[in-house]
Amino acid sequence: MKALVYEGVGQRAWKEKERPGIEQPTDAVVRVTHTTICGTDLHILKGDVPAVTPGRTLGHEGIGMIEEVGGGVSGLAVGDHVLISCITSCGHCDFCKQGMYAHCRDGGWILGHKIDGTQAEYVRIPHAANSLYRLPPGLAPAAALMLSDILPTGHEIGALNGEVRLGDTVAIVGAGPIGLAALLTSRFYSPARIIMVDPDENRLSA
């Protein structure tokens, strides 16, 4: 299969790699149909994430079709159209039971970081039953892809951690994808005003 591979600081390659298979009964293998690039991937390429070693397939966002499921996976089947969560979670550890999936003791942000990621034709997803979500028919792929990381990150880091409340004035610095996700999800809480701040000429002209 083809994959986008980190080759060292400032280096990447679109190359052939062996297709992943089931390693644990809780795994699934997904044929990736849509993926995207995160700012985190750019940090990796700059050498800011030393845990990512040369040879790692990049990417932690995507949607696709399940090609294989391990014997321990329930609720999912071959052929299901699924959203790949950027966070892998076992669903059973103490952190997962508190809803702190990013701190999962056998997961967290591992795709494109500690194991091969989604910028490839196929990806292995550990703890598939708690890390893949079946998509409803008719949902536009580009819209579904935003649910993999960008929209929930803007919601959590922006609206929830920012404690947006009814009648608030909200200032969001940076009108990139995460900033726009924070804008959209802040509106759930009915602030009185939302102010976007960005010096980028391309964004200001849009």
N, C-alpha and C. Protein backbone atom coordinates (compact mmCIF):
# COMPACT_ATOMS: atom_id res chain seq x y z
N MET A 1 0.85 -1.19 0.00
CA MET A 1 0.00 0.00 0.00
C MET A 1 0.89 1.24 0.00
N LYS A 2 0.31 2.39 -0.39
CA LYS A 2 1.00 3.66 -0.35
C LYS A 2 0.76 4.34 0.99
N ALA A 3 1.79 5.03 1.49
CA ALA A 3 1.67 5.72 2.77
C ALA A 3 2.60 6.93 2.77
N LEU A 4 2.18 7.98 3.52
CA LEU A 4 3.03 9.14 3.72
C LEU A 4 3.86 8.89 4.97
N VAL A 5 5.16 8.82 4.80
CA VAL A 5 6.06 8.34 5.85
C VAL A 5 7.02 9.44 6.29
N TYR A 6 7.15 9.59 7.60
CA TYR A 6 8.14 10.50 8.18
C TYR A 6 9.53 9.87 8.04
N GLU A 7 10.46 10.64 7.46
CA GLU A 7 11.80 10.12 7.19
C GLU A 7 12.88 10.82 8.01
N GLY A 8 12.46 11.69 8.92
CA GLY A 8 13.41 12.48 9.68
C GLY A 8 13.02 13.95 9.58
N VAL A 9 13.69 14.80 10.33
CA VAL A 9 13.33 16.22 10.38
C VAL A 9 13.32 16.83 8.98
N GLY A 10 12.17 17.39 8.61
CA GLY A 10 12.03 18.05 7.32
C GLY A 10 11.89 17.10 6.14
N GLN A 11 11.79 15.80 6.40
CA GLN A 11 11.75 14.83 5.31
C GLN A 11 10.51 13.93 5.41
N ARG A 12 9.87 13.74 4.28
CA ARG A 12 8.73 12.84 4.20
C ARG A 12 8.77 12.18 2.83
N ALA A 13 8.08 11.04 2.72
CA ALA A 13 8.08 10.31 1.44
C ALA A 13 6.77 9.58 1.27
N TRP A 14 6.26 9.57 0.04
CA TRP A 14 5.06 8.81 -0.34
C TRP A 14 5.59 7.49 -0.88
N LYS A 15 5.45 6.42 -0.09
CA LYS A 15 6.16 5.20 -0.45
C LYS A 15 5.32 3.96 -0.19
N GLU A 16 5.82 2.84 -0.65
CA GLU A 16 5.17 1.55 -0.43
C GLU A 16 5.50 1.03 0.97
N LYS A 17 4.46 0.56 1.67
CA LYS A 17 4.65 -0.10 2.95
C LYS A 17 3.76 -1.34 2.96
N GLU A 18 4.08 -2.24 3.86
CA GLU A 18 3.26 -3.44 4.00
C GLU A 18 1.90 -3.07 4.58
N ARG A 19 0.85 -3.63 4.02
CA ARG A 19 -0.49 -3.37 4.54
C ARG A 19 -0.63 -3.93 5.96
N PRO A 20 -1.21 -3.15 6.89
CA PRO A 20 -1.35 -3.64 8.26
C PRO A 20 -2.37 -4.76 8.36
N GLY A 21 -2.22 -5.58 9.39
CA GLY A 21 -3.17 -6.66 9.65
C GLY A 21 -3.61 -6.63 11.10
N ILE A 22 -4.44 -7.55 11.47
CA ILE A 22 -4.92 -7.67 12.84
C ILE A 22 -3.77 -8.18 13.72
N GLU A 23 -3.47 -7.46 14.80
CA GLU A 23 -2.43 -7.88 15.74
C GLU A 23 -3.02 -8.32 17.07
N GLN A 24 -4.13 -7.70 17.46
CA GLN A 24 -4.81 -8.04 18.70
C GLN A 24 -6.29 -8.30 18.39
N PRO A 25 -6.97 -9.10 19.19
CA PRO A 25 -8.39 -9.38 18.92
C PRO A 25 -9.28 -8.14 18.90
N THR A 26 -8.82 -7.05 19.54
CA THR A 26 -9.61 -5.82 19.61
C THR A 26 -9.31 -4.86 18.47
N ASP A 27 -8.47 -5.27 17.51
CA ASP A 27 -8.10 -4.43 16.37
C ASP A 27 -9.14 -4.48 15.25
N ALA A 28 -9.11 -3.44 14.42
CA ALA A 28 -9.77 -3.47 13.11
C ALA A 28 -8.80 -2.85 12.10
N VAL A 29 -8.93 -3.24 10.85
CA VAL A 29 -8.18 -2.62 9.76
C VAL A 29 -9.17 -1.86 8.90
N VAL A 30 -8.87 -0.59 8.66
CA VAL A 30 -9.75 0.28 7.90
C VAL A 30 -9.08 0.69 6.60
N ARG A 31 -9.84 0.60 5.50
CA ARG A 31 -9.38 1.17 4.22
C ARG A 31 -9.72 2.65 4.24
N VAL A 32 -8.71 3.49 4.25
CA VAL A 32 -8.90 4.93 4.40
C VAL A 32 -9.41 5.52 3.08
N THR A 33 -10.52 6.22 3.15
CA THR A 33 -11.06 6.89 1.96
C THR A 33 -10.80 8.39 1.98
N HIS A 34 -10.72 8.96 3.18
CA HIS A 34 -10.46 10.40 3.32
C HIS A 34 -9.60 10.63 4.55
N THR A 35 -8.60 11.50 4.41
CA THR A 35 -7.78 11.90 5.54
C THR A 35 -7.40 13.36 5.34
N THR A 36 -6.69 13.92 6.30
CA THR A 36 -6.28 15.32 6.19
C THR A 36 -5.00 15.53 6.97
N ILE A 37 -4.47 16.74 6.87
CA ILE A 37 -3.22 17.09 7.53
C ILE A 37 -3.55 17.98 8.72
N CYS A 38 -2.97 17.67 9.87
CA CYS A 38 -3.14 18.45 11.09
C CYS A 38 -1.89 19.31 11.32
N GLY A 39 -2.05 20.40 12.05
CA GLY A 39 -0.89 21.18 12.43
C GLY A 39 0.13 20.35 13.19
N THR A 40 -0.35 19.33 13.91
CA THR A 40 0.56 18.43 14.63
C THR A 40 1.49 17.72 13.67
N ASP A 41 0.99 17.35 12.49
CA ASP A 41 1.85 16.70 11.50
C ASP A 41 2.99 17.63 11.08
N LEU A 42 2.69 18.92 10.99
CA LEU A 42 3.73 19.89 10.63
C LEU A 42 4.77 20.02 11.74
N HIS A 43 4.30 19.95 13.00
CA HIS A 43 5.24 19.96 14.13
C HIS A 43 6.14 18.73 14.09
N ILE A 44 5.56 17.59 13.74
CA ILE A 44 6.37 16.37 13.62
C ILE A 44 7.46 16.57 12.58
N LEU A 45 7.08 17.10 11.43
CA LEU A 45 8.06 17.30 10.35
C LEU A 45 9.15 18.29 10.75
N LYS A 46 8.84 19.22 11.63
CA LYS A 46 9.84 20.17 12.11
C LYS A 46 10.74 19.57 13.19
N GLY A 47 10.41 18.37 13.65
CA GLY A 47 11.22 17.73 14.66
C GLY A 47 10.79 18.04 16.08
N ASP A 48 9.59 18.59 16.24
CA ASP A 48 9.11 18.99 17.56
C ASP A 48 8.55 17.83 18.39
N VAL A 49 8.38 16.66 17.77
CA VAL A 49 7.78 15.52 18.47
C VAL A 49 8.77 14.35 18.37
N PRO A 50 9.77 14.32 19.24
CA PRO A 50 10.84 13.31 19.09
C PRO A 50 10.38 11.87 19.24
N ALA A 51 9.19 11.64 19.82
CA ALA A 51 8.69 10.27 19.93
C ALA A 51 8.36 9.67 18.57
N VAL A 52 8.16 10.54 17.57
CA VAL A 52 7.90 10.05 16.21
C VAL A 52 9.24 9.77 15.54
N THR A 53 9.45 8.52 15.20
CA THR A 53 10.73 8.09 14.65
C THR A 53 10.63 7.85 13.15
N PRO A 54 11.75 7.95 12.43
CA PRO A 54 11.72 7.71 10.98
C PRO A 54 11.10 6.35 10.65
N GLY A 55 10.28 6.36 9.61
CA GLY A 55 9.57 5.16 9.19
C GLY A 55 8.12 5.14 9.60
N ARG A 56 7.72 6.11 10.44
CA ARG A 56 6.34 6.15 10.93
C ARG A 56 5.41 6.74 9.87
N THR A 57 4.30 6.07 9.62
CA THR A 57 3.24 6.63 8.76
C THR A 57 2.53 7.73 9.54
N LEU A 58 2.39 8.89 8.92
CA LEU A 58 1.80 10.04 9.58
C LEU A 58 0.27 9.98 9.57
N GLY A 59 -0.35 10.88 10.33
CA GLY A 59 -1.79 11.08 10.28
C GLY A 59 -2.57 10.45 11.43
N HIS A 60 -3.57 11.20 11.91
CA HIS A 60 -4.42 10.68 12.98
C HIS A 60 -5.89 11.04 12.77
N GLU A 61 -6.26 11.43 11.56
CA GLU A 61 -7.64 11.78 11.24
C GLU A 61 -8.06 11.00 10.01
N GLY A 62 -9.32 10.57 9.96
CA GLY A 62 -9.75 9.89 8.75
C GLY A 62 -11.12 9.27 8.86
N ILE A 63 -11.62 8.89 7.71
CA ILE A 63 -12.81 8.05 7.61
C ILE A 63 -12.51 6.96 6.58
N GLY A 64 -13.26 5.88 6.68
CA GLY A 64 -13.01 4.79 5.74
C GLY A 64 -13.98 3.65 5.93
N MET A 65 -13.63 2.51 5.32
CA MET A 65 -14.45 1.31 5.37
C MET A 65 -13.68 0.21 6.08
N ILE A 66 -14.35 -0.48 6.99
CA ILE A 66 -13.70 -1.57 7.71
C ILE A 66 -13.45 -2.74 6.76
N GLU A 67 -12.20 -3.20 6.73
CA GLU A 67 -11.80 -4.33 5.88
C GLU A 67 -11.65 -5.62 6.68
N GLU A 68 -11.22 -5.50 7.94
CA GLU A 68 -11.04 -6.67 8.81
C GLU A 68 -11.39 -6.27 10.24
N VAL A 69 -11.93 -7.21 10.99
CA VAL A 69 -12.16 -6.98 12.42
C VAL A 69 -11.64 -8.16 13.22
N GLY A 70 -11.05 -7.85 14.37
CA GLY A 70 -10.58 -8.90 15.25
C GLY A 70 -11.74 -9.60 15.95
N GLY A 71 -11.47 -10.78 16.47
CA GLY A 71 -12.50 -11.58 17.11
C GLY A 71 -13.07 -10.97 18.38
N GLY A 72 -12.36 -9.98 18.96
CA GLY A 72 -12.84 -9.35 20.19
C GLY A 72 -13.59 -8.06 19.96
N VAL A 73 -13.85 -7.71 18.71
CA VAL A 73 -14.53 -6.45 18.40
C VAL A 73 -16.03 -6.68 18.29
N SER A 74 -16.80 -5.91 19.05
CA SER A 74 -18.26 -6.02 18.97
C SER A 74 -18.84 -4.71 18.44
N GLY A 75 -19.99 -4.82 17.79
CA GLY A 75 -20.70 -3.64 17.31
C GLY A 75 -20.22 -3.09 15.99
N LEU A 76 -19.20 -3.69 15.39
CA LEU A 76 -18.67 -3.25 14.10
C LEU A 76 -18.49 -4.47 13.21
N ALA A 77 -18.58 -4.23 11.89
CA ALA A 77 -18.46 -5.34 10.95
C ALA A 77 -17.74 -4.89 9.69
N VAL A 78 -17.20 -5.86 8.98
CA VAL A 78 -16.58 -5.58 7.68
C VAL A 78 -17.59 -4.87 6.78
N GLY A 79 -17.15 -3.80 6.13
CA GLY A 79 -18.02 -3.03 5.25
C GLY A 79 -18.62 -1.80 5.89
N ASP A 80 -18.53 -1.68 7.22
CA ASP A 80 -19.05 -0.49 7.89
C ASP A 80 -18.25 0.74 7.47
N HIS A 81 -18.98 1.84 7.23
CA HIS A 81 -18.37 3.14 6.94
C HIS A 81 -18.16 3.83 8.27
N VAL A 82 -16.90 4.16 8.62
CA VAL A 82 -16.60 4.60 9.98
C VAL A 82 -15.77 5.88 10.03
N LEU A 83 -15.96 6.58 11.12
CA LEU A 83 -15.12 7.71 11.50
C LEU A 83 -14.00 7.17 12.39
N ILE A 84 -12.76 7.58 12.11
CA ILE A 84 -11.61 7.19 12.92
C ILE A 84 -11.35 8.32 13.91
N SER A 85 -11.47 8.03 15.20
CA SER A 85 -11.16 9.04 16.20
C SER A 85 -9.66 9.29 16.24
N CYS A 86 -9.30 10.56 16.42
CA CYS A 86 -7.87 10.88 16.55
C CYS A 86 -7.29 10.34 17.84
N ILE A 87 -8.17 10.00 18.79
CA ILE A 87 -7.75 9.44 20.07
C ILE A 87 -8.19 7.99 20.16
N THR A 88 -7.26 7.10 20.43
CA THR A 88 -7.55 5.68 20.61
C THR A 88 -7.80 5.44 22.10
N SER A 89 -8.88 4.75 22.42
CA SER A 89 -9.19 4.54 23.85
C SER A 89 -9.71 3.13 24.08
N CYS A 90 -9.23 2.54 25.17
CA CYS A 90 -9.63 1.16 25.48
C CYS A 90 -11.05 1.11 26.05
N GLY A 91 -11.47 2.20 26.71
CA GLY A 91 -12.81 2.25 27.29
C GLY A 91 -12.93 1.61 28.64
N HIS A 92 -11.84 1.03 29.15
CA HIS A 92 -11.92 0.26 30.40
C HIS A 92 -11.00 0.76 31.51
N CYS A 93 -9.94 1.47 31.19
CA CYS A 93 -8.99 1.90 32.22
C CYS A 93 -9.59 3.01 33.07
N ASP A 94 -8.89 3.39 34.13
CA ASP A 94 -9.42 4.41 35.04
C ASP A 94 -9.63 5.75 34.35
N PHE A 95 -8.73 6.13 33.45
CA PHE A 95 -8.90 7.39 32.74
C PHE A 95 -10.09 7.35 31.79
N CYS A 96 -10.23 6.26 31.06
CA CYS A 96 -11.36 6.14 30.14
C CYS A 96 -12.69 6.18 30.90
N LYS A 97 -12.74 5.55 32.06
CA LYS A 97 -13.98 5.56 32.85
C LYS A 97 -14.34 6.95 33.35
N GLN A 98 -13.34 7.85 33.40
CA GLN A 98 -13.59 9.24 33.78
C GLN A 98 -13.86 10.11 32.54
N GLY A 99 -13.89 9.49 31.35
CA GLY A 99 -14.08 10.25 30.13
C GLY A 99 -12.83 10.97 29.66
N MET A 100 -11.69 10.63 30.21
CA MET A 100 -10.42 11.26 29.84
C MET A 100 -9.68 10.37 28.85
N TYR A 101 -10.29 10.21 27.67
CA TYR A 101 -9.80 9.24 26.69
C TYR A 101 -8.39 9.55 26.19
N ALA A 102 -8.02 10.82 26.13
CA ALA A 102 -6.68 11.17 25.66
C ALA A 102 -5.59 10.64 26.58
N HIS A 103 -5.97 10.28 27.82
CA HIS A 103 -5.01 9.76 28.78
C HIS A 103 -5.11 8.24 28.93
N CYS A 104 -5.85 7.60 28.03
CA CYS A 104 -6.02 6.15 28.08
C CYS A 104 -4.67 5.47 28.30
N ARG A 105 -4.65 4.50 29.21
CA ARG A 105 -3.39 3.83 29.55
C ARG A 105 -2.87 2.92 28.44
N ASP A 106 -3.72 2.60 27.47
CA ASP A 106 -3.28 1.78 26.35
C ASP A 106 -3.68 2.43 25.03
N GLY A 107 -3.69 3.76 25.04
CA GLY A 107 -4.11 4.47 23.84
C GLY A 107 -3.72 5.93 23.92
N GLY A 108 -4.72 6.81 23.77
CA GLY A 108 -4.44 8.24 23.69
C GLY A 108 -4.10 8.60 22.25
N TRP A 109 -3.30 9.63 22.08
CA TRP A 109 -2.85 9.99 20.73
C TRP A 109 -1.69 9.07 20.36
N ILE A 110 -2.02 8.00 19.67
CA ILE A 110 -0.98 7.07 19.23
C ILE A 110 -0.88 6.98 17.71
N LEU A 111 -1.99 7.22 16.99
CA LEU A 111 -1.97 7.14 15.52
C LEU A 111 -1.04 8.21 14.94
N GLY A 112 -0.12 7.79 14.09
CA GLY A 112 0.82 8.73 13.48
C GLY A 112 1.82 9.28 14.48
N HIS A 113 1.89 8.67 15.65
CA HIS A 113 2.75 9.13 16.73
C HIS A 113 3.58 7.95 17.25
N LYS A 114 2.87 6.99 17.85
CA LYS A 114 3.55 5.80 18.37
C LYS A 114 3.30 4.56 17.51
N ILE A 115 2.24 4.59 16.71
CA ILE A 115 1.97 3.53 15.73
C ILE A 115 1.64 4.20 14.40
N ASP A 116 1.63 3.43 13.32
CA ASP A 116 1.37 3.99 12.00
C ASP A 116 -0.03 4.59 11.93
N GLY A 117 -0.13 5.72 11.20
CA GLY A 117 -1.35 6.50 11.17
C GLY A 117 -2.16 6.38 9.90
N THR A 118 -2.98 7.41 9.68
CA THR A 118 -4.07 7.36 8.70
C THR A 118 -3.73 7.91 7.32
N GLN A 119 -2.55 8.48 7.14
CA GLN A 119 -2.21 9.01 5.82
C GLN A 119 -1.63 7.88 4.96
N ALA A 120 -2.50 6.91 4.75
CA ALA A 120 -2.13 5.69 4.03
C ALA A 120 -3.40 5.06 3.48
N GLU A 121 -3.23 4.05 2.65
CA GLU A 121 -4.41 3.38 2.08
C GLU A 121 -5.13 2.53 3.12
N TYR A 122 -4.40 2.02 4.11
CA TYR A 122 -4.99 1.20 5.17
C TYR A 122 -4.36 1.58 6.51
N VAL A 123 -5.12 1.42 7.58
CA VAL A 123 -4.61 1.69 8.91
C VAL A 123 -5.19 0.68 9.90
N ARG A 124 -4.35 0.25 10.83
CA ARG A 124 -4.81 -0.63 11.92
C ARG A 124 -5.25 0.24 13.09
N ILE A 125 -6.46 -0.02 13.60
CA ILE A 125 -7.01 0.74 14.72
C ILE A 125 -7.13 -0.17 15.94
N PRO A 126 -6.30 0.04 16.96
CA PRO A 126 -6.47 -0.71 18.20
C PRO A 126 -7.75 -0.29 18.93
N HIS A 127 -8.25 -1.16 19.78
CA HIS A 127 -9.46 -0.87 20.56
C HIS A 127 -10.56 -0.31 19.65
N ALA A 128 -10.78 -1.01 18.57
CA ALA A 128 -11.68 -0.51 17.51
C ALA A 128 -13.08 -0.22 18.01
N ALA A 129 -13.60 -1.05 18.90
CA ALA A 129 -14.99 -0.87 19.35
C ALA A 129 -15.19 0.46 20.04
N ASN A 130 -14.11 1.04 20.59
CA ASN A 130 -14.23 2.32 21.30
C ASN A 130 -13.52 3.46 20.57
N SER A 131 -12.97 3.17 19.38
CA SER A 131 -12.18 4.17 18.67
C SER A 131 -12.66 4.41 17.24
N LEU A 132 -13.65 3.63 16.80
CA LEU A 132 -14.29 3.83 15.50
C LEU A 132 -15.78 4.06 15.72
N TYR A 133 -16.37 4.89 14.86
CA TYR A 133 -17.79 5.22 14.99
C TYR A 133 -18.47 5.08 13.64
N ARG A 134 -19.51 4.27 13.60
CA ARG A 134 -20.24 4.04 12.37
C ARG A 134 -20.90 5.34 11.90
N LEU A 135 -20.74 5.67 10.62
CA LEU A 135 -21.30 6.90 10.07
C LEU A 135 -22.66 6.65 9.44
N PRO A 136 -23.59 7.59 9.58
CA PRO A 136 -24.89 7.42 8.93
C PRO A 136 -24.77 7.58 7.42
N PRO A 137 -25.63 6.94 6.65
CA PRO A 137 -25.57 7.08 5.20
C PRO A 137 -25.90 8.51 4.79
N GLY A 138 -25.27 8.95 3.70
CA GLY A 138 -25.59 10.26 3.15
C GLY A 138 -24.79 11.41 3.71
N LEU A 139 -23.98 11.18 4.74
CA LEU A 139 -23.18 12.25 5.32
C LEU A 139 -22.00 12.55 4.40
N ALA A 140 -21.81 13.82 4.06
CA ALA A 140 -20.72 14.21 3.15
C ALA A 140 -19.37 13.86 3.76
N PRO A 141 -18.48 13.22 3.00
CA PRO A 141 -17.19 12.81 3.57
C PRO A 141 -16.39 13.97 4.17
N ALA A 142 -16.39 15.13 3.49
CA ALA A 142 -15.62 16.27 4.01
C ALA A 142 -16.16 16.72 5.36
N ALA A 143 -17.47 16.68 5.52
CA ALA A 143 -18.08 17.07 6.79
C ALA A 143 -17.76 16.03 7.86
N ALA A 144 -17.86 14.76 7.52
CA ALA A 144 -17.57 13.70 8.48
C ALA A 144 -16.12 13.77 8.95
N LEU A 145 -15.22 14.09 8.04
CA LEU A 145 -13.80 14.13 8.38
C LEU A 145 -13.51 15.17 9.46
N MET A 146 -14.27 16.26 9.48
CA MET A 146 -14.06 17.30 10.48
C MET A 146 -14.36 16.79 11.90
N LEU A 147 -15.12 15.70 12.01
CA LEU A 147 -15.46 15.15 13.32
C LEU A 147 -14.37 14.26 13.90
N SER A 148 -13.36 13.96 13.09
CA SER A 148 -12.29 13.07 13.53
C SER A 148 -11.37 13.74 14.55
N ASP A 149 -11.15 15.06 14.39
CA ASP A 149 -10.25 15.78 15.30
C ASP A 149 -10.61 17.26 15.39
N ILE A 150 -10.78 17.93 14.25
CA ILE A 150 -10.85 19.39 14.22
C ILE A 150 -12.03 19.94 15.02
N LEU A 151 -13.24 19.48 14.73
CA LEU A 151 -14.41 20.04 15.42
C LEU A 151 -14.42 19.70 16.91
N PRO A 152 -14.19 18.44 17.31
CA PRO A 152 -14.18 18.16 18.75
C PRO A 152 -13.05 18.87 19.49
N THR A 153 -11.91 19.08 18.84
CA THR A 153 -10.81 19.80 19.50
C THR A 153 -11.19 21.25 19.73
N GLY A 154 -11.78 21.90 18.71
CA GLY A 154 -12.24 23.28 18.88
C GLY A 154 -13.28 23.39 19.98
N HIS A 155 -14.15 22.39 20.07
CA HIS A 155 -15.20 22.39 21.09
C HIS A 155 -14.58 22.24 22.49
N GLU A 156 -13.71 21.24 22.64
CA GLU A 156 -13.15 20.97 23.97
C GLU A 156 -12.22 22.09 24.43
N ILE A 157 -11.25 22.44 23.56
CA ILE A 157 -10.23 23.41 23.96
C ILE A 157 -10.79 24.83 23.96
N GLY A 158 -11.72 25.10 23.06
CA GLY A 158 -12.29 26.44 22.98
C GLY A 158 -13.49 26.64 23.86
N ALA A 159 -14.61 26.05 23.47
CA ALA A 159 -15.88 26.32 24.16
C ALA A 159 -15.92 25.73 25.57
N LEU A 160 -15.50 24.48 25.74
CA LEU A 160 -15.60 23.85 27.06
C LEU A 160 -14.54 24.39 28.04
N ASN A 161 -13.26 24.35 27.63
CA ASN A 161 -12.22 24.85 28.52
C ASN A 161 -12.32 26.36 28.72
N GLY A 162 -12.86 27.06 27.71
CA GLY A 162 -13.07 28.50 27.83
C GLY A 162 -14.31 28.85 28.63
N GLU A 163 -15.09 27.83 29.01
CA GLU A 163 -16.29 28.01 29.83
C GLU A 163 -17.23 29.07 29.25
N VAL A 164 -17.51 28.93 27.96
CA VAL A 164 -18.43 29.87 27.29
C VAL A 164 -19.83 29.71 27.87
N ARG A 165 -20.45 30.84 28.20
CA ARG A 165 -21.77 30.84 28.81
C ARG A 165 -22.71 31.81 28.10
N LEU A 166 -23.97 31.67 28.37
CA LEU A 166 -25.01 32.55 27.84
C LEU A 166 -24.66 34.01 28.10
N GLY A 167 -24.66 34.82 27.04
CA GLY A 167 -24.43 36.26 27.17
C GLY A 167 -22.98 36.68 27.18
N ASP A 168 -22.04 35.74 27.14
CA ASP A 168 -20.61 36.08 27.17
C ASP A 168 -20.18 36.82 25.91
N THR A 169 -19.06 37.52 26.02
CA THR A 169 -18.31 37.99 24.86
C THR A 169 -17.11 37.07 24.71
N VAL A 170 -16.96 36.47 23.54
CA VAL A 170 -15.91 35.49 23.29
C VAL A 170 -14.94 36.06 22.26
N ALA A 171 -13.66 36.00 22.57
CA ALA A 171 -12.61 36.39 21.62
C ALA A 171 -11.83 35.14 21.23
N ILE A 172 -11.71 34.90 19.93
CA ILE A 172 -10.97 33.74 19.42
C ILE A 172 -9.81 34.26 18.58
N VAL A 173 -8.60 33.94 18.99
CA VAL A 173 -7.40 34.39 18.27
C VAL A 173 -6.97 33.29 17.32
N GLY A 174 -7.06 33.57 16.02
CA GLY A 174 -6.70 32.59 15.00
C GLY A 174 -7.92 32.01 14.33
N ALA A 175 -8.11 32.33 13.07
CA ALA A 175 -9.29 31.88 12.33
C ALA A 175 -8.97 30.71 11.40
N GLY A 176 -8.07 29.85 11.86
CA GLY A 176 -7.79 28.62 11.12
C GLY A 176 -8.85 27.57 11.42
N PRO A 177 -8.63 26.33 11.03
CA PRO A 177 -9.65 25.29 11.23
C PRO A 177 -10.08 25.13 12.69
N ILE A 178 -9.14 25.14 13.64
CA ILE A 178 -9.50 24.98 15.04
C ILE A 178 -10.24 26.21 15.54
N GLY A 179 -9.78 27.38 15.14
CA GLY A 179 -10.47 28.61 15.53
C GLY A 179 -11.90 28.65 15.02
N LEU A 180 -12.09 28.22 13.77
CA LEU A 180 -13.45 28.19 13.22
C LEU A 180 -14.31 27.15 13.92
N ALA A 181 -13.68 26.02 14.31
CA ALA A 181 -14.43 25.02 15.07
C ALA A 181 -14.83 25.56 16.44
N ALA A 182 -13.94 26.33 17.06
CA ALA A 182 -14.27 26.97 18.34
C ALA A 182 -15.40 27.97 18.15
N LEU A 183 -15.38 28.69 17.04
CA LEU A 183 -16.46 29.64 16.73
C LEU A 183 -17.80 28.92 16.61
N LEU A 184 -17.83 27.87 15.82
CA LEU A 184 -19.09 27.14 15.58
C LEU A 184 -19.63 26.54 16.87
N THR A 185 -18.75 25.92 17.65
CA THR A 185 -19.23 25.22 18.83
C THR A 185 -19.50 26.17 20.00
N SER A 186 -18.85 27.32 20.03
CA SER A 186 -19.18 28.32 21.06
C SER A 186 -20.62 28.79 20.92
N ARG A 187 -21.12 28.78 19.71
CA ARG A 187 -22.49 29.24 19.47
C ARG A 187 -23.53 28.34 20.14
N PHE A 188 -23.15 27.09 20.47
CA PHE A 188 -24.07 26.20 21.20
C PHE A 188 -24.48 26.79 22.55
N TYR A 189 -23.61 27.66 23.11
CA TYR A 189 -23.81 28.17 24.47
C TYR A 189 -24.35 29.60 24.50
N SER A 190 -24.76 30.12 23.33
CA SER A 190 -25.44 31.42 23.19
C SER A 190 -24.68 32.60 23.77
N PRO A 191 -23.42 32.79 23.38
CA PRO A 191 -22.75 34.02 23.79
C PRO A 191 -23.37 35.22 23.08
N ALA A 192 -23.20 36.40 23.67
CA ALA A 192 -23.76 37.60 23.05
C ALA A 192 -22.95 38.04 21.83
N ARG A 193 -21.62 37.92 21.93
CA ARG A 193 -20.76 38.33 20.82
C ARG A 193 -19.59 37.37 20.69
N ILE A 194 -19.16 37.13 19.45
CA ILE A 194 -17.94 36.37 19.20
C ILE A 194 -17.06 37.22 18.29
N ILE A 195 -15.84 37.45 18.73
CA ILE A 195 -14.89 38.28 17.98
C ILE A 195 -13.75 37.39 17.52
N MET A 196 -13.50 37.35 16.21
CA MET A 196 -12.38 36.60 15.66
C MET A 196 -11.21 37.55 15.40
N VAL A 197 -10.01 37.15 15.79
CA VAL A 197 -8.81 37.95 15.61
C VAL A 197 -7.81 37.14 14.79
N ASP A 198 -7.32 37.72 13.69
CA ASP A 198 -6.33 37.01 12.88
C ASP A 198 -5.61 38.01 11.98
N PRO A 199 -4.27 37.98 11.96
CA PRO A 199 -3.53 38.90 11.10
C PRO A 199 -3.31 38.39 9.68
N ASP A 200 -3.72 37.13 9.41
CA ASP A 200 -3.46 36.54 8.10
C ASP A 200 -4.33 37.16 7.03
N GLU A 201 -3.72 37.74 6.01
CA GLU A 201 -4.45 38.45 4.96
C GLU A 201 -5.40 37.55 4.19
N ASN A 202 -4.99 36.30 3.94
CA ASN A 202 -5.85 35.38 3.20
C ASN A 202 -7.12 35.08 3.98
N ARG A 203 -7.00 34.88 5.30
CA ARG A 203 -8.17 34.60 6.11
C ARG A 203 -9.07 35.81 6.23
N LEU A 204 -8.47 37.00 6.34
CA LEU A 204 -9.26 38.22 6.48
C LEU A 204 -10.05 38.53 5.21
N SER A 205 -9.52 38.12 4.07
CA SER A 205 -10.20 38.42 2.81
C SER A 205 -11.29 37.43 2.47
N ALA A 206 -11.36 36.31 3.20
CA ALA A 206 -12.33 35.27 2.88
C ALA A 206 -13.74 35.67 3.31
